[in-house]
């Protein structure tokens, strides 16, 4: 797993959690943490949850490099003003059907992510199994994954799935096994 698996086009693609202007949005309140967090803490959270790894040192080279990259991406952006396309698309609240999602996955997703969801790292990330994001990641929630999928997938025809199809695929993927988040990192 790596940053580009969710932050497409080097963190510049609208509605794929772009990183442009993010430094100017922090510190920010985090519902998950129940408190205001720094951008460094948000980066550490991504490593722990979305990448199913360990948090990098707050004052280490990895965090410094990521902060510098986000600052570079944000040149010319007003601080505290969200980048157009920040976050993910808005979708209606729907119910995903994993059975329908299995069919869509086989037709639209398996060519890149494989029949068993293992992906083709480093180009296409695993969607389930031991090398995927863990159950604490935002993408392990059907609503968040549906929002990402509907606008960004499949990569050869982004936006071609309906909101219902995106929910169905997300329900199918969410039902698959994935690592449990390491409880030692629950503060993230």
N, C-alpha and C. Protein backbone atom coordinates (compact mmCIF):
# COMPACT_ATOMS: atom_id res chain seq x y z
N UNK A 1 0.85 -1.18 0.00
CA UNK A 1 0.00 0.00 0.00
C UNK A 1 0.89 1.24 0.00
N UNK A 2 0.44 2.26 -0.72
CA UNK A 2 1.16 3.53 -0.71
C UNK A 2 0.18 4.68 -0.89
N UNK A 3 0.65 5.89 -0.70
CA UNK A 3 -0.21 7.08 -0.73
C UNK A 3 -0.99 7.19 -2.04
N UNK A 4 -0.34 6.87 -3.16
CA UNK A 4 -0.95 7.02 -4.48
C UNK A 4 -2.11 6.05 -4.72
N UNK A 5 -2.29 5.07 -3.85
CA UNK A 5 -3.42 4.16 -4.01
C UNK A 5 -4.75 4.88 -3.78
N UNK A 6 -4.76 5.88 -2.94
CA UNK A 6 -5.98 6.66 -2.66
C UNK A 6 -5.90 8.08 -3.17
N UNK A 7 -4.72 8.67 -3.14
CA UNK A 7 -4.51 10.06 -3.57
C UNK A 7 -3.99 10.01 -5.01
N UNK A 8 -4.91 9.91 -5.96
CA UNK A 8 -4.55 9.68 -7.36
C UNK A 8 -3.84 10.87 -7.99
N UNK A 9 -3.11 10.58 -9.06
CA UNK A 9 -2.35 11.60 -9.80
C UNK A 9 -1.44 12.40 -8.87
N UNK A 10 -0.75 11.69 -8.00
CA UNK A 10 0.19 12.34 -7.10
C UNK A 10 -0.47 13.27 -6.09
N UNK A 11 -1.75 13.01 -5.80
CA UNK A 11 -2.47 13.84 -4.84
C UNK A 11 -3.10 15.07 -5.44
N UNK A 12 -3.19 15.11 -6.77
CA UNK A 12 -3.76 16.28 -7.45
C UNK A 12 -5.16 16.05 -8.01
N UNK A 13 -5.60 14.82 -8.11
CA UNK A 13 -6.88 14.50 -8.75
C UNK A 13 -8.07 14.88 -7.85
N UNK A 14 -8.96 15.76 -8.35
CA UNK A 14 -10.15 16.09 -7.57
C UNK A 14 -10.98 14.84 -7.25
N UNK A 15 -11.60 14.84 -6.13
CA UNK A 15 -12.49 13.78 -5.64
C UNK A 15 -11.79 12.43 -5.48
N UNK A 16 -10.49 12.47 -5.30
CA UNK A 16 -9.75 11.27 -4.90
C UNK A 16 -8.87 11.64 -3.72
N UNK A 17 -9.47 12.37 -2.79
CA UNK A 17 -8.77 12.85 -1.59
C UNK A 17 -7.50 13.61 -1.96
N UNK A 18 -7.62 14.67 -2.80
CA UNK A 18 -6.43 15.41 -3.21
C UNK A 18 -5.71 16.03 -2.01
N UNK A 19 -4.42 16.16 -2.16
CA UNK A 19 -3.57 16.70 -1.09
C UNK A 19 -3.29 18.19 -1.27
N UNK A 20 -3.73 18.76 -2.38
CA UNK A 20 -3.53 20.18 -2.65
C UNK A 20 -4.30 20.99 -1.61
N UNK A 21 -3.65 21.97 -1.02
CA UNK A 21 -4.21 22.88 -0.02
C UNK A 21 -4.47 22.22 1.34
N UNK A 22 -4.13 20.97 1.49
CA UNK A 22 -4.36 20.29 2.78
C UNK A 22 -3.57 20.93 3.92
N UNK A 23 -2.31 21.34 3.73
CA UNK A 23 -1.59 21.94 4.86
C UNK A 23 -2.31 23.13 5.48
N UNK A 24 -3.02 23.91 4.66
CA UNK A 24 -3.73 25.07 5.16
C UNK A 24 -5.02 24.73 5.89
N UNK A 25 -5.40 23.45 5.89
CA UNK A 25 -6.64 23.03 6.55
C UNK A 25 -6.38 22.47 7.95
N UNK A 26 -5.12 22.39 8.33
CA UNK A 26 -4.75 21.83 9.64
C UNK A 26 -4.09 22.89 10.49
N UNK A 27 -4.24 22.76 11.82
CA UNK A 27 -4.89 21.71 12.59
C UNK A 27 -6.40 21.69 12.31
N UNK A 28 -6.99 20.49 12.48
CA UNK A 28 -8.41 20.31 12.21
C UNK A 28 -9.01 19.32 13.20
N UNK A 29 -10.29 19.46 13.43
CA UNK A 29 -10.98 18.53 14.32
C UNK A 29 -11.15 17.20 13.61
N UNK A 30 -10.85 16.11 14.30
CA UNK A 30 -11.02 14.76 13.79
C UNK A 30 -12.10 14.06 14.60
N UNK A 31 -13.19 13.68 13.91
CA UNK A 31 -14.25 12.95 14.60
C UNK A 31 -13.73 11.63 15.16
N UNK A 32 -12.91 10.97 14.38
CA UNK A 32 -12.36 9.68 14.81
C UNK A 32 -11.58 9.81 16.10
N UNK A 33 -10.71 10.84 16.17
CA UNK A 33 -9.88 11.05 17.36
C UNK A 33 -10.65 11.75 18.48
N UNK A 34 -11.72 12.47 18.10
CA UNK A 34 -12.48 13.21 19.09
C UNK A 34 -11.75 14.44 19.61
N UNK A 35 -10.83 14.96 18.78
CA UNK A 35 -10.05 16.13 19.18
C UNK A 35 -9.44 16.77 17.93
N UNK A 36 -8.83 17.92 18.12
CA UNK A 36 -8.12 18.58 17.03
C UNK A 36 -6.77 17.90 16.85
N UNK A 37 -6.44 17.60 15.59
CA UNK A 37 -5.17 16.95 15.28
C UNK A 37 -4.36 17.79 14.31
N UNK A 38 -3.08 17.50 14.26
CA UNK A 38 -2.17 18.17 13.32
C UNK A 38 -2.12 17.37 12.02
N UNK A 39 -1.56 17.96 11.00
CA UNK A 39 -1.38 17.24 9.74
C UNK A 39 -0.41 16.07 9.94
N UNK A 40 0.58 16.25 10.77
CA UNK A 40 1.50 15.15 11.07
C UNK A 40 0.73 13.96 11.65
N UNK A 41 -0.17 14.22 12.58
CA UNK A 41 -0.96 13.13 13.15
C UNK A 41 -1.86 12.48 12.09
N UNK A 42 -2.38 13.27 11.16
CA UNK A 42 -3.22 12.71 10.10
C UNK A 42 -2.39 11.81 9.19
N UNK A 43 -1.18 12.21 8.90
CA UNK A 43 -0.27 11.37 8.09
C UNK A 43 0.00 10.07 8.82
N UNK A 44 0.30 10.15 10.10
CA UNK A 44 0.56 8.94 10.88
C UNK A 44 -0.66 8.01 10.87
N UNK A 45 -1.84 8.61 10.96
CA UNK A 45 -3.08 7.83 10.91
C UNK A 45 -3.20 7.07 9.59
N UNK A 46 -2.86 7.72 8.49
CA UNK A 46 -2.92 7.05 7.18
C UNK A 46 -1.98 5.84 7.14
N UNK A 47 -0.78 6.01 7.67
CA UNK A 47 0.17 4.89 7.68
C UNK A 47 -0.37 3.73 8.49
N UNK A 48 -0.99 4.01 9.62
CA UNK A 48 -1.49 2.97 10.52
C UNK A 48 -2.72 2.27 9.96
N UNK A 49 -3.63 3.02 9.37
CA UNK A 49 -4.91 2.48 8.94
C UNK A 49 -4.92 2.13 7.45
N UNK A 50 -4.75 3.10 6.60
CA UNK A 50 -4.87 2.88 5.16
C UNK A 50 -3.73 2.06 4.59
N UNK A 51 -2.55 2.18 5.17
CA UNK A 51 -1.42 1.41 4.68
C UNK A 51 -1.11 0.21 5.56
N UNK A 52 -1.89 0.04 6.63
CA UNK A 52 -1.74 -1.09 7.55
C UNK A 52 -0.29 -1.26 8.00
N UNK A 53 0.31 -0.15 8.39
CA UNK A 53 1.71 -0.17 8.81
C UNK A 53 1.91 0.44 10.18
N UNK A 54 3.09 0.99 10.37
CA UNK A 54 3.44 1.67 11.62
C UNK A 54 3.47 3.17 11.36
N UNK A 55 3.21 3.97 12.39
CA UNK A 55 3.27 5.42 12.19
C UNK A 55 4.73 5.86 12.04
N UNK A 56 5.00 6.70 11.05
CA UNK A 56 6.36 7.23 10.94
C UNK A 56 6.60 8.22 12.08
N UNK A 57 7.86 8.41 12.42
CA UNK A 57 8.22 9.34 13.48
C UNK A 57 7.75 10.75 13.12
N UNK A 58 7.14 11.42 14.08
CA UNK A 58 6.58 12.75 13.85
C UNK A 58 7.62 13.73 13.33
N UNK A 59 8.85 13.60 13.77
CA UNK A 59 9.91 14.52 13.33
C UNK A 59 10.94 13.82 12.44
N UNK A 60 10.51 12.74 11.82
CA UNK A 60 11.41 11.98 10.97
C UNK A 60 11.37 12.42 9.52
N UNK A 61 12.21 11.76 8.71
CA UNK A 61 12.37 12.10 7.31
C UNK A 61 11.10 11.85 6.49
N UNK A 62 10.37 10.78 6.80
CA UNK A 62 9.18 10.46 6.01
C UNK A 62 8.12 11.55 6.16
N UNK A 63 7.81 11.92 7.38
CA UNK A 63 6.82 12.97 7.62
C UNK A 63 7.31 14.29 7.03
N UNK A 64 8.57 14.62 7.23
CA UNK A 64 9.11 15.87 6.68
C UNK A 64 8.96 15.90 5.16
N UNK A 65 9.24 14.79 4.51
CA UNK A 65 9.14 14.72 3.05
C UNK A 65 7.68 14.87 2.60
N UNK A 66 6.76 14.21 3.28
CA UNK A 66 5.35 14.31 2.90
C UNK A 66 4.81 15.72 3.14
N UNK A 67 5.20 16.34 4.24
CA UNK A 67 4.78 17.72 4.49
C UNK A 67 5.34 18.67 3.43
N UNK A 68 6.60 18.48 3.06
CA UNK A 68 7.22 19.32 2.03
C UNK A 68 6.51 19.12 0.68
N UNK A 69 6.17 17.88 0.36
CA UNK A 69 5.47 17.60 -0.90
C UNK A 69 4.10 18.27 -0.92
N UNK A 70 3.35 18.17 0.18
CA UNK A 70 2.03 18.80 0.24
C UNK A 70 2.15 20.32 0.17
N UNK A 71 3.17 20.88 0.80
CA UNK A 71 3.40 22.33 0.69
C UNK A 71 3.68 22.71 -0.75
N UNK A 72 4.50 21.92 -1.44
CA UNK A 72 4.83 22.18 -2.84
C UNK A 72 3.57 22.11 -3.71
N UNK A 73 2.74 21.08 -3.50
CA UNK A 73 1.49 20.95 -4.25
C UNK A 73 0.56 22.15 -4.02
N UNK A 74 0.67 22.75 -2.84
CA UNK A 74 -0.25 23.79 -2.41
C UNK A 74 0.20 25.21 -2.74
N UNK A 75 1.31 25.34 -3.45
CA UNK A 75 1.79 26.67 -3.81
C UNK A 75 0.71 27.43 -4.56
N UNK A 76 0.48 28.66 -4.16
CA UNK A 76 -0.52 29.49 -4.81
C UNK A 76 -1.94 29.30 -4.29
N UNK A 77 -2.13 28.35 -3.39
CA UNK A 77 -3.45 28.11 -2.81
C UNK A 77 -3.61 28.94 -1.54
N UNK A 78 -4.76 29.53 -1.36
CA UNK A 78 -5.03 30.31 -0.15
C UNK A 78 -5.14 29.37 1.05
N UNK A 79 -4.48 29.72 2.14
CA UNK A 79 -4.54 28.89 3.35
C UNK A 79 -5.95 28.89 3.92
N UNK A 80 -6.40 27.71 4.31
CA UNK A 80 -7.71 27.58 4.93
C UNK A 80 -8.86 27.52 3.95
N UNK A 81 -8.57 27.59 2.65
CA UNK A 81 -9.61 27.51 1.62
C UNK A 81 -9.52 26.14 0.97
N UNK A 82 -10.59 25.34 1.06
CA UNK A 82 -10.55 24.00 0.48
C UNK A 82 -10.30 24.03 -1.03
N UNK A 83 -9.51 23.11 -1.48
CA UNK A 83 -9.24 22.91 -2.91
C UNK A 83 -10.53 22.42 -3.58
N UNK A 84 -10.87 22.93 -4.76
CA UNK A 84 -12.06 22.42 -5.45
C UNK A 84 -11.91 20.92 -5.70
N UNK A 85 -12.89 20.16 -5.30
CA UNK A 85 -12.80 18.71 -5.42
C UNK A 85 -12.15 18.06 -4.22
N UNK A 86 -12.05 18.81 -3.11
CA UNK A 86 -11.45 18.24 -1.89
C UNK A 86 -12.30 17.06 -1.42
N UNK A 87 -11.65 16.05 -0.93
CA UNK A 87 -12.35 14.89 -0.39
C UNK A 87 -12.82 13.95 -1.47
N UNK A 88 -14.05 13.49 -1.33
CA UNK A 88 -14.65 12.54 -2.27
C UNK A 88 -15.99 13.10 -2.74
N UNK A 89 -16.54 12.51 -3.81
CA UNK A 89 -17.83 12.98 -4.32
C UNK A 89 -18.94 12.73 -3.31
N UNK A 90 -19.98 13.51 -3.42
CA UNK A 90 -21.18 13.27 -2.62
C UNK A 90 -22.06 12.28 -3.36
N UNK A 91 -22.53 11.29 -2.66
CA UNK A 91 -23.47 10.32 -3.23
C UNK A 91 -24.69 10.23 -2.34
N UNK A 92 -25.82 9.83 -2.91
CA UNK A 92 -26.99 9.62 -2.05
C UNK A 92 -26.73 8.43 -1.13
N UNK A 93 -27.42 8.39 -0.01
CA UNK A 93 -27.30 7.27 0.92
C UNK A 93 -28.03 6.08 0.32
N UNK A 94 -27.30 5.05 -0.06
CA UNK A 94 -27.89 3.85 -0.68
C UNK A 94 -27.47 2.61 0.11
N UNK A 95 -28.06 1.50 -0.23
CA UNK A 95 -27.69 0.22 0.38
C UNK A 95 -27.00 -0.63 -0.69
N UNK A 96 -25.79 -1.06 -0.40
CA UNK A 96 -25.05 -1.89 -1.34
C UNK A 96 -25.45 -3.35 -1.23
N UNK A 97 -25.46 -4.03 -2.35
CA UNK A 97 -25.76 -5.45 -2.41
C UNK A 97 -24.50 -6.19 -2.84
N UNK A 98 -23.93 -6.98 -1.93
CA UNK A 98 -22.66 -7.67 -2.21
C UNK A 98 -22.78 -8.67 -3.37
N UNK A 99 -23.95 -9.27 -3.54
CA UNK A 99 -24.15 -10.20 -4.66
C UNK A 99 -24.04 -9.49 -6.00
N UNK A 100 -24.72 -8.38 -6.13
CA UNK A 100 -24.60 -7.59 -7.37
C UNK A 100 -23.17 -7.07 -7.51
N UNK A 101 -22.59 -6.69 -6.37
CA UNK A 101 -21.21 -6.19 -6.39
C UNK A 101 -20.22 -7.23 -6.89
N UNK A 102 -20.45 -8.50 -6.56
CA UNK A 102 -19.55 -9.57 -7.04
C UNK A 102 -19.54 -9.62 -8.56
N UNK A 103 -20.70 -9.47 -9.17
CA UNK A 103 -20.80 -9.49 -10.63
C UNK A 103 -20.08 -8.29 -11.23
N UNK A 104 -20.33 -7.12 -10.68
CA UNK A 104 -19.68 -5.90 -11.18
C UNK A 104 -18.17 -6.01 -10.99
N UNK A 105 -17.76 -6.49 -9.82
CA UNK A 105 -16.32 -6.65 -9.55
C UNK A 105 -15.68 -7.55 -10.61
N UNK A 106 -16.30 -8.68 -10.89
CA UNK A 106 -15.76 -9.63 -11.88
C UNK A 106 -15.65 -8.98 -13.26
N UNK A 107 -16.62 -8.14 -13.61
CA UNK A 107 -16.64 -7.52 -14.94
C UNK A 107 -15.76 -6.29 -15.04
N UNK A 108 -15.68 -5.49 -13.97
CA UNK A 108 -15.04 -4.19 -14.05
C UNK A 108 -13.74 -4.03 -13.26
N UNK A 109 -13.59 -4.79 -12.19
CA UNK A 109 -12.50 -4.53 -11.24
C UNK A 109 -11.40 -5.59 -11.25
N UNK A 110 -11.78 -6.82 -11.52
CA UNK A 110 -10.83 -7.93 -11.38
C UNK A 110 -9.67 -7.85 -12.37
N UNK A 111 -9.86 -7.19 -13.49
CA UNK A 111 -8.77 -7.09 -14.46
C UNK A 111 -7.54 -6.40 -13.85
N UNK A 112 -7.75 -5.46 -12.94
CA UNK A 112 -6.64 -4.76 -12.28
C UNK A 112 -6.38 -5.28 -10.88
N UNK A 113 -7.43 -5.56 -10.14
CA UNK A 113 -7.27 -5.95 -8.73
C UNK A 113 -7.28 -7.46 -8.52
N UNK A 114 -7.49 -8.25 -9.58
CA UNK A 114 -7.43 -9.70 -9.49
C UNK A 114 -8.70 -10.32 -8.95
N UNK A 115 -8.92 -11.58 -9.32
CA UNK A 115 -10.09 -12.31 -8.86
C UNK A 115 -10.13 -12.44 -7.35
N UNK A 116 -8.96 -12.49 -6.73
CA UNK A 116 -8.88 -12.66 -5.28
C UNK A 116 -8.56 -11.35 -4.55
N UNK A 117 -8.68 -10.23 -5.26
CA UNK A 117 -8.50 -8.92 -4.64
C UNK A 117 -7.07 -8.59 -4.27
N UNK A 118 -6.10 -9.33 -4.81
CA UNK A 118 -4.70 -9.13 -4.43
C UNK A 118 -4.03 -7.96 -5.15
N UNK A 119 -4.68 -7.42 -6.18
CA UNK A 119 -4.10 -6.31 -6.91
C UNK A 119 -2.84 -6.70 -7.66
N UNK A 120 -2.15 -5.70 -8.15
CA UNK A 120 -0.85 -5.87 -8.82
C UNK A 120 0.07 -4.77 -8.32
N UNK A 121 0.47 -4.87 -7.03
CA UNK A 121 1.34 -3.83 -6.47
C UNK A 121 2.62 -3.68 -7.29
N UNK A 122 3.15 -2.50 -7.44
CA UNK A 122 2.73 -1.26 -6.81
C UNK A 122 1.72 -0.46 -7.64
N UNK A 123 1.26 -1.00 -8.76
CA UNK A 123 0.36 -0.24 -9.63
C UNK A 123 -1.09 -0.27 -9.15
N UNK A 124 -1.60 -1.46 -8.85
CA UNK A 124 -2.98 -1.62 -8.41
C UNK A 124 -2.97 -2.25 -7.03
N UNK A 125 -3.53 -1.57 -6.03
CA UNK A 125 -3.44 -2.07 -4.64
C UNK A 125 -4.35 -3.27 -4.39
N UNK A 126 -3.98 -4.08 -3.40
CA UNK A 126 -4.88 -5.15 -2.97
C UNK A 126 -6.10 -4.53 -2.28
N UNK A 127 -7.25 -5.14 -2.48
CA UNK A 127 -8.48 -4.63 -1.89
C UNK A 127 -8.94 -5.45 -0.69
N UNK A 128 -8.43 -6.65 -0.57
CA UNK A 128 -8.66 -7.45 0.63
C UNK A 128 -7.51 -8.42 0.77
N UNK A 129 -7.52 -9.14 1.85
CA UNK A 129 -6.43 -10.07 2.13
C UNK A 129 -5.37 -9.44 3.01
N UNK A 130 -4.33 -10.20 3.35
CA UNK A 130 -3.35 -9.76 4.34
C UNK A 130 -2.53 -8.53 3.95
N UNK A 131 -2.42 -8.21 2.67
CA UNK A 131 -1.62 -7.06 2.25
C UNK A 131 -2.45 -5.80 2.02
N UNK A 132 -3.74 -5.85 2.30
CA UNK A 132 -4.62 -4.72 2.03
C UNK A 132 -4.69 -3.76 3.22
N UNK A 133 -5.44 -2.69 3.04
CA UNK A 133 -5.69 -1.76 4.14
C UNK A 133 -6.44 -2.51 5.24
N UNK A 134 -6.35 -2.02 6.46
CA UNK A 134 -6.97 -2.76 7.56
C UNK A 134 -8.39 -2.27 7.85
N UNK A 135 -9.03 -2.92 8.80
CA UNK A 135 -10.43 -2.62 9.11
C UNK A 135 -10.62 -1.27 9.80
N UNK A 136 -9.55 -0.56 10.09
CA UNK A 136 -9.65 0.78 10.65
C UNK A 136 -9.56 1.88 9.60
N UNK A 137 -9.29 1.51 8.36
CA UNK A 137 -9.16 2.49 7.28
C UNK A 137 -10.52 3.00 6.84
N UNK A 138 -10.55 4.23 6.38
CA UNK A 138 -11.79 4.79 5.86
C UNK A 138 -12.35 3.97 4.72
N UNK A 139 -11.48 3.43 3.87
CA UNK A 139 -11.94 2.64 2.73
C UNK A 139 -12.58 1.32 3.15
N UNK A 140 -12.46 0.96 4.40
CA UNK A 140 -13.12 -0.27 4.86
C UNK A 140 -14.59 0.00 5.19
N UNK A 141 -15.03 1.24 4.99
CA UNK A 141 -16.45 1.57 5.17
C UNK A 141 -17.10 1.70 3.79
N UNK A 142 -18.25 1.07 3.64
CA UNK A 142 -18.93 1.02 2.34
C UNK A 142 -19.16 2.41 1.77
N UNK A 143 -19.65 3.34 2.57
CA UNK A 143 -19.97 4.68 2.06
C UNK A 143 -18.73 5.37 1.50
N UNK A 144 -17.64 5.33 2.23
CA UNK A 144 -16.42 6.00 1.76
C UNK A 144 -15.88 5.33 0.50
N UNK A 145 -15.85 4.00 0.51
CA UNK A 145 -15.34 3.32 -0.69
C UNK A 145 -16.25 3.59 -1.89
N UNK A 146 -17.55 3.59 -1.69
CA UNK A 146 -18.47 3.86 -2.80
C UNK A 146 -18.20 5.23 -3.41
N UNK A 147 -17.95 6.23 -2.58
CA UNK A 147 -17.66 7.58 -3.06
C UNK A 147 -16.38 7.60 -3.90
N UNK A 148 -15.37 6.87 -3.44
CA UNK A 148 -14.11 6.81 -4.18
C UNK A 148 -14.30 6.07 -5.50
N UNK A 149 -14.95 4.91 -5.43
CA UNK A 149 -15.13 4.06 -6.61
C UNK A 149 -15.97 4.77 -7.67
N UNK A 150 -17.06 5.40 -7.28
CA UNK A 150 -17.97 5.99 -8.26
C UNK A 150 -17.27 7.03 -9.13
N UNK A 151 -16.42 7.84 -8.55
CA UNK A 151 -15.77 8.90 -9.32
C UNK A 151 -14.48 8.45 -9.99
N UNK A 152 -13.77 7.49 -9.41
CA UNK A 152 -12.40 7.19 -9.85
C UNK A 152 -12.20 5.84 -10.53
N UNK A 153 -13.15 4.96 -10.44
CA UNK A 153 -12.96 3.60 -10.95
C UNK A 153 -14.05 3.24 -11.95
N UNK A 154 -13.77 2.28 -12.83
CA UNK A 154 -12.45 1.73 -13.12
C UNK A 154 -11.56 2.79 -13.76
N UNK A 155 -10.27 2.62 -13.63
CA UNK A 155 -9.35 3.66 -14.10
C UNK A 155 -9.45 3.91 -15.60
N UNK A 156 -9.86 2.91 -16.36
CA UNK A 156 -9.97 3.10 -17.80
C UNK A 156 -11.31 3.74 -18.19
N UNK A 157 -12.22 3.91 -17.23
CA UNK A 157 -13.51 4.56 -17.49
C UNK A 157 -14.05 5.17 -16.20
N UNK A 158 -13.30 6.09 -15.57
CA UNK A 158 -13.75 6.65 -14.30
C UNK A 158 -15.11 7.32 -14.42
N UNK A 159 -15.93 7.13 -13.39
CA UNK A 159 -17.26 7.72 -13.37
C UNK A 159 -18.30 6.95 -14.16
N UNK A 160 -17.91 5.81 -14.72
CA UNK A 160 -18.87 5.04 -15.53
C UNK A 160 -19.82 4.18 -14.71
N UNK A 161 -19.51 3.96 -13.45
CA UNK A 161 -20.40 3.20 -12.59
C UNK A 161 -21.43 4.15 -11.97
N UNK A 162 -22.64 3.68 -11.84
CA UNK A 162 -23.67 4.47 -11.15
C UNK A 162 -23.37 4.48 -9.66
N UNK A 163 -24.05 5.37 -8.94
CA UNK A 163 -23.90 5.39 -7.49
C UNK A 163 -24.28 4.02 -6.91
N UNK A 164 -25.37 3.41 -7.40
CA UNK A 164 -25.78 2.11 -6.88
C UNK A 164 -24.72 1.04 -7.16
N UNK A 165 -24.16 1.04 -8.35
CA UNK A 165 -23.11 0.07 -8.67
C UNK A 165 -21.89 0.27 -7.78
N UNK A 166 -21.54 1.52 -7.50
CA UNK A 166 -20.40 1.79 -6.62
C UNK A 166 -20.68 1.26 -5.22
N UNK A 167 -21.89 1.45 -4.71
CA UNK A 167 -22.26 0.90 -3.40
C UNK A 167 -22.21 -0.62 -3.43
N UNK A 168 -22.67 -1.23 -4.51
CA UNK A 168 -22.67 -2.69 -4.60
C UNK A 168 -21.25 -3.25 -4.58
N UNK A 169 -20.37 -2.65 -5.36
CA UNK A 169 -18.97 -3.08 -5.38
C UNK A 169 -18.33 -2.88 -4.00
N UNK A 170 -18.60 -1.74 -3.39
CA UNK A 170 -18.04 -1.46 -2.07
C UNK A 170 -18.55 -2.47 -1.04
N UNK A 171 -19.82 -2.84 -1.11
CA UNK A 171 -20.37 -3.84 -0.18
C UNK A 171 -19.70 -5.19 -0.39
N UNK A 172 -19.44 -5.54 -1.64
CA UNK A 172 -18.76 -6.81 -1.94
C UNK A 172 -17.34 -6.80 -1.35
N UNK A 173 -16.60 -5.73 -1.59
CA UNK A 173 -15.22 -5.65 -1.11
C UNK A 173 -15.17 -5.57 0.41
N UNK A 174 -16.09 -4.82 1.01
CA UNK A 174 -16.12 -4.68 2.47
C UNK A 174 -16.37 -6.02 3.16
N UNK A 175 -17.08 -6.92 2.51
CA UNK A 175 -17.40 -8.22 3.09
C UNK A 175 -16.21 -9.19 3.07
N UNK A 176 -15.16 -8.83 2.38
CA UNK A 176 -13.99 -9.69 2.26
C UNK A 176 -13.07 -9.52 3.48
N UNK A 177 -12.25 -10.55 3.76
CA UNK A 177 -11.36 -10.45 4.92
C UNK A 177 -10.23 -9.46 4.70
N UNK A 178 -9.87 -8.80 5.78
CA UNK A 178 -8.75 -7.86 5.74
C UNK A 178 -8.10 -7.85 7.12
N UNK A 179 -6.91 -7.33 7.23
CA UNK A 179 -6.25 -7.30 8.53
C UNK A 179 -7.02 -6.46 9.55
N UNK A 180 -6.89 -6.85 10.79
CA UNK A 180 -7.41 -6.03 11.88
C UNK A 180 -6.39 -4.95 12.17
N UNK A 181 -6.87 -3.78 12.52
CA UNK A 181 -5.95 -2.70 12.88
C UNK A 181 -5.21 -3.07 14.16
N UNK A 182 -3.95 -2.79 14.19
CA UNK A 182 -3.12 -3.08 15.37
C UNK A 182 -3.62 -2.25 16.54
N UNK A 183 -4.11 -2.89 17.62
CA UNK A 183 -4.65 -2.12 18.76
C UNK A 183 -3.61 -1.23 19.44
N UNK A 184 -2.34 -1.50 19.23
CA UNK A 184 -1.30 -0.65 19.81
C UNK A 184 -1.35 0.77 19.23
N UNK A 185 -2.00 0.92 18.07
CA UNK A 185 -2.06 2.21 17.39
C UNK A 185 -3.46 2.83 17.44
N UNK A 186 -4.28 2.44 18.38
CA UNK A 186 -5.66 2.91 18.41
C UNK A 186 -5.80 4.43 18.56
N UNK A 187 -4.76 5.10 19.05
CA UNK A 187 -4.84 6.56 19.19
C UNK A 187 -4.87 7.24 17.83
N UNK A 188 -4.52 6.52 16.80
CA UNK A 188 -4.50 7.09 15.45
C UNK A 188 -5.84 6.85 14.77
